[in-house]
Amino acid sequence: MAAVTIRNLPDEVHRALKARAAQNHRSAEAEIRAILEAAVRPPDRLLLGTAISNLSRKFGLTNADFEALEDVRDKTPAEPMRF
């Protein structure tokens, strides 16, 4: 898992962060993780798998349709690229 170092964090921001963490019964580090995750992975984001599933339902595709595609697809392993 990656580690991040934040330099030059103003004291007032650090104090506010620690207070917020205490309110949420978390460590300051756990609070920072929660803040960052909420910022970059909002709950209303588009999930690709869900979008594809909804689209296939909209057009009436079934598991049988996908099984038929699986039966006819080329299963030969791909050759690696050579440069």
Protein backbone atom coordinates (compact mmCIF):
# COMPACT_ATOMS: atom_id res chain seq x y z
CA MET A 1 0.00 0.00 0.00
CA ALA A 2 1.27 3.48 -0.81
CA ALA A 3 2.37 6.04 1.75
CA VAL A 4 1.98 9.80 1.41
CA THR A 5 3.89 12.53 3.24
CA ILE A 6 2.32 15.98 3.57
CA ARG A 7 4.78 18.77 4.21
CA ASN A 8 4.15 22.33 5.38
CA LEU A 9 0.69 21.59 6.80
CA PRO A 10 -0.37 24.68 8.75
CA ASP A 11 -0.77 24.14 12.49
CA GLU A 12 -4.41 25.25 12.44
CA VAL A 13 -5.22 22.69 9.75
CA HIS A 14 -3.50 19.96 11.76
CA ARG A 15 -5.44 20.94 14.90
CA ALA A 16 -8.73 20.97 12.97
CA LEU A 17 -7.92 17.59 11.46
CA LYS A 18 -7.20 16.09 14.88
CA ALA A 19 -10.45 17.55 16.25
CA ARG A 20 -12.43 16.13 13.33
CA ALA A 21 -10.78 12.74 13.82
CA ALA A 22 -11.70 12.76 17.51
CA GLN A 23 -15.34 13.58 16.64
CA ASN A 24 -15.39 10.58 14.30
CA HIS A 25 -13.60 8.31 16.82
CA ARG A 26 -10.64 7.81 14.48
CA SER A 27 -6.95 8.55 14.47
CA ALA A 28 -5.76 11.55 12.49
CA GLU A 29 -4.27 9.16 9.94
CA ALA A 30 -7.55 7.26 9.54
CA GLU A 31 -9.38 10.58 9.19
CA ILE A 32 -7.04 11.67 6.41
CA ARG A 33 -7.64 8.36 4.60
CA ALA A 34 -11.42 8.83 4.92
CA ILE A 35 -11.23 12.41 3.62
CA LEU A 36 -9.06 11.44 0.66
CA GLU A 37 -11.22 8.46 -0.25
CA ALA A 38 -14.41 10.55 -0.12
CA ALA A 39 -12.75 13.15 -2.35
CA VAL A 40 -11.55 10.78 -5.04
CA ARG A 41 -14.21 8.04 -4.79
CA PRO A 42 -17.54 9.78 -4.19
CA PRO A 43 -20.49 7.43 -3.58
CA ASP A 44 -22.36 8.76 -6.63
CA ARG A 45 -19.51 8.01 -9.06
CA LEU A 46 -20.18 5.98 -12.19
CA LEU A 47 -19.19 2.37 -11.69
CA LEU A 48 -18.25 0.82 -15.03
CA GLY A 49 -19.49 -2.69 -14.21
CA THR A 50 -22.84 -1.37 -13.02
CA ALA A 51 -23.19 0.81 -16.12
CA ILE A 52 -22.48 -2.12 -18.45
CA SER A 53 -24.89 -4.35 -16.55
CA ASN A 54 -27.65 -1.74 -16.72
CA LEU A 55 -27.04 -1.24 -20.44
CA SER A 56 -27.24 -4.97 -21.15
CA ARG A 57 -30.52 -5.18 -19.21
CA LYS A 58 -31.87 -2.19 -21.14
CA PHE A 59 -31.29 -4.05 -24.41
CA GLY A 60 -32.62 -7.34 -23.05
CA LEU A 61 -29.39 -9.32 -23.09
CA THR A 62 -29.35 -12.49 -21.02
CA ASN A 63 -26.72 -14.88 -19.73
CA ALA A 64 -27.54 -17.15 -22.69
CA ASP A 65 -26.48 -14.34 -25.06
CA PHE A 66 -23.11 -14.05 -23.34
CA GLU A 67 -22.66 -17.83 -23.25
CA ALA A 68 -23.25 -17.93 -27.02
CA LEU A 69 -20.56 -15.29 -27.51
CA GLU A 70 -18.19 -17.26 -25.28
CA ASP A 71 -18.75 -20.39 -27.37
CA VAL A 72 -17.68 -18.72 -30.62
CA ARG A 73 -14.84 -16.48 -29.43
CA ASP A 74 -11.26 -17.30 -30.34
CA LYS A 75 -9.60 -18.79 -27.26
CA THR A 76 -6.09 -18.84 -28.75
CA PRO A 77 -3.68 -17.11 -26.35
CA ALA A 78 -2.51 -13.74 -27.60
CA GLU A 79 1.05 -13.45 -28.83
CA PRO A 80 3.14 -10.94 -26.89
CA MET A 81 4.27 -7.87 -28.80
CA ARG A 82 7.85 -7.71 -29.94
CA PHE A 83 9.67 -4.45 -30.38
